[in-house]
């Protein structure tokens, strides 16, 4: 599953990322690629990758989702994986 966030205002990108991660978890999708871009600033990337960003928001909104594993894909995107028990 791939979700394109680049070019969105940060507030919209945050909401879209949270919903996409929640839907991926609900639908038993093992990973999701969040495309944040790499040329027009780092606000969306920082939100996704920093501990006080997407991870923190997901813990508050979707406490049933385990800690997210994030990997910078190096191509303007981040791969989000879930650890399923």
Protein backbone atom coordinates (compact mmCIF):
# COMPACT_ATOMS: atom_id res chain seq x y z
CA UNK A 1 0.00 0.00 0.00
CA UNK A 2 1.41 3.38 -0.99
CA UNK A 3 0.09 6.76 0.20
CA UNK A 4 1.25 10.01 -1.42
CA UNK A 5 1.56 12.83 1.11
CA UNK A 6 3.98 15.18 -0.59
CA UNK A 7 2.65 18.55 -1.55
CA UNK A 8 -0.05 18.44 1.13
CA UNK A 9 -0.21 20.93 3.99
CA UNK A 10 1.29 19.33 7.12
CA UNK A 11 -2.07 19.12 8.91
CA UNK A 12 -3.62 17.19 5.99
CA UNK A 13 -0.56 14.96 5.63
CA UNK A 14 -0.71 14.07 9.34
CA UNK A 15 -4.37 13.08 9.15
CA UNK A 16 -3.95 11.15 5.90
CA UNK A 17 -0.92 9.26 7.30
CA UNK A 18 -2.75 8.36 10.52
CA UNK A 19 -5.83 7.11 8.67
CA UNK A 20 -3.73 5.13 6.17
CA UNK A 21 -1.70 3.43 8.91
CA UNK A 22 -4.89 2.63 10.83
CA UNK A 23 -6.53 1.17 7.72
CA UNK A 24 -3.44 -0.88 6.89
CA UNK A 25 -3.45 -2.34 10.41
CA UNK A 26 -7.18 -3.06 10.32
CA UNK A 27 -6.88 -4.78 6.93
CA UNK A 28 -3.87 -6.89 8.04
CA UNK A 29 -1.51 -5.23 5.57
CA UNK A 30 2.03 -5.82 6.85
CA UNK A 31 3.56 -2.57 5.60
CA UNK A 32 2.70 0.75 4.06
CA UNK A 33 4.82 3.24 2.12
CA UNK A 34 4.28 6.88 3.01
CA UNK A 35 5.59 9.13 0.23
CA UNK A 36 6.70 12.46 1.68
CA UNK A 37 9.00 13.74 -1.06
CA UNK A 38 12.54 14.99 -0.66
CA UNK A 39 12.96 18.32 -2.47
CA UNK A 40 10.42 20.70 -0.94
CA UNK A 41 11.25 20.62 2.76
CA UNK A 42 11.25 18.04 5.51
CA UNK A 43 8.20 18.83 7.66
CA UNK A 44 6.20 15.77 6.57
CA UNK A 45 9.24 13.48 6.68
CA UNK A 46 10.15 14.75 10.14
CA UNK A 47 6.60 14.15 11.38
CA UNK A 48 6.64 10.58 10.07
CA UNK A 49 10.12 9.65 11.28
CA UNK A 50 10.55 11.44 14.61
CA UNK A 51 9.47 9.69 17.81
CA UNK A 52 7.19 12.56 18.83
CA UNK A 53 5.40 12.58 15.47
CA UNK A 54 3.46 9.77 13.80
CA UNK A 55 4.41 7.15 16.40
CA UNK A 56 3.16 9.29 19.27
CA UNK A 57 -0.06 10.22 17.46
CA UNK A 58 -0.74 6.58 16.55
CA UNK A 59 -0.29 5.53 20.19
CA UNK A 60 -2.92 8.09 21.22
CA UNK A 61 -5.43 7.51 18.39
CA UNK A 62 -4.95 3.76 17.84
CA UNK A 63 -3.57 2.28 21.10
CA UNK A 64 -4.20 -1.25 19.81
CA UNK A 65 -1.52 -0.84 17.13
CA UNK A 66 1.93 -1.94 18.36
CA UNK A 67 4.96 0.27 18.01
CA UNK A 68 5.61 1.12 14.37
CA UNK A 69 8.86 0.12 12.68
CA UNK A 70 9.96 2.90 10.33
CA UNK A 71 12.57 2.67 7.57
CA UNK A 72 13.68 5.60 5.41
CA UNK A 73 13.39 4.30 1.87
CA UNK A 74 15.87 6.92 0.64
CA UNK A 75 13.62 7.88 -2.27
CA UNK A 76 11.39 10.42 -0.57
CA UNK A 77 9.37 7.83 1.27
CA UNK A 78 9.26 5.90 4.53
CA UNK A 79 8.21 2.29 4.94
CA UNK A 80 6.01 1.62 7.97
CA UNK A 81 5.87 -1.97 9.25
CA UNK A 82 3.84 -3.56 12.03
CA UNK A 83 5.01 -6.16 14.47
CA UNK A 84 2.19 -8.68 14.69
CA UNK A 85 2.04 -11.13 17.58
